[in-house]
């Protein structure tokens, strides 16, 4: 036991430990998700977060120490987002035909995501810090944190709420769309990407490539529009 503790102390001082832990946790979570036939409740991101969080608690590791090693994964979010252009190119004819409905849905969905978050936060008596952090929750984490800093929200709280939004969206999107009997995968994907950003987009790709393509479009466009709308709408919603 003593040797194991000594080994852990040594390894925890190397940045690559937490990068390896993150990758192994996601690989295990993805295998579990596949074993459950991609059941929405077996979301690999949710499972990986739970695994890593438990290990951080058991090892008494602070988040800055974890992030120092795992930040390479954070860096890869940029190239991963750019890579969404590949399926977009493959489905370009469908995207062109749906351009006008997409723009209308984008504006309506973005305004609804911001407005509902702020108004519900106020209705339930949440403080100003939580309300500000909730406003950009449906844009991808990197953009949401930047928006949060602009409006005076705590970036860490913004990141946590944004990730929770993505996980919740990825879990409920398929059952909800089935309940609503929405069979158009382009519409399903666009809704998932708009409401639950990258995590919802990953779930959409698991279901259908066309759904994933439209989810990726919604992810990018909603991030841009949210950055514009949040500073404009917050003063009106907080009156």
Foldseek 3Di string as FASTA:
>chain_A
DVVVVVVCVVLLVDLQVLLVLLVVQLVVLVVVCVVVVNQLVSQSVVRSVVVVVVVCVVVVPDPVSNCSNNVVVVVCVVVVLVVLVVLCVVCVVVCVVCVVVLVVCLVVLLCCQQLVLLLVCVVVPHDPQLSLLRRLLQADLVLSLVLSVVVVHDSVSNNVSNQVQQSVLSSCLVVVCVVVVPPPLLVSLLNQLRRNNPSSLVSSVSVPSNSNSSSSVNNVVSSVVSSVVSVVCVVVSVD
